[in-house]
Amino acid sequence: MPSTPNLVIQAIITAALTLGIFYMKRRKIIPHGYLTLAAVVLNAFSVIIVMLPSAVRIVSGASVNAFTMVVIAHSIFGAAAIIVGVYLMAVWRLRKPGESCFRLRNYMRPLAMIWILSAALGAYVYYLLL
């Protein structure tokens, strides 16, 4: 079942993002940026290879019920998190890391909340699929 390895990958992504927060609090911007970049790239691959095909399979032709609504909500929040994450990483990599990172933190906090909500919904979807 590809969802179990994907769950492990999501745990690794969560650990990387958490470690990135600790680096940021210590003003170690470069390691913070690279950990975040790695998490965004790994998550994008995970979505393309595992989550998107699963979501399409679950939602296509399915009747509207609580389960499909959770999958749709997870997909919407997850897509928003990826789009904003990719944008922020592109801005960070195309500019001098120190100055752009501090300006972007007002976007990173809401992004973190969206990502946490998406991750919680994803864990719930995983639980329902067991």
Foldseek 3Di string as FASTA:
>chain_A
DVVVVLVVLVVVLVVLQVVLVVCVVVVVQPSSLVSLVVSLVSVVVSCVPPVVVVLCVDQVPDDDDPLNVLSVLLVVLSVVLSVVSVVLSVVCVVDPNPPSVVVCVVVVVVSVVSVVVSVVSVVVNVVVVD
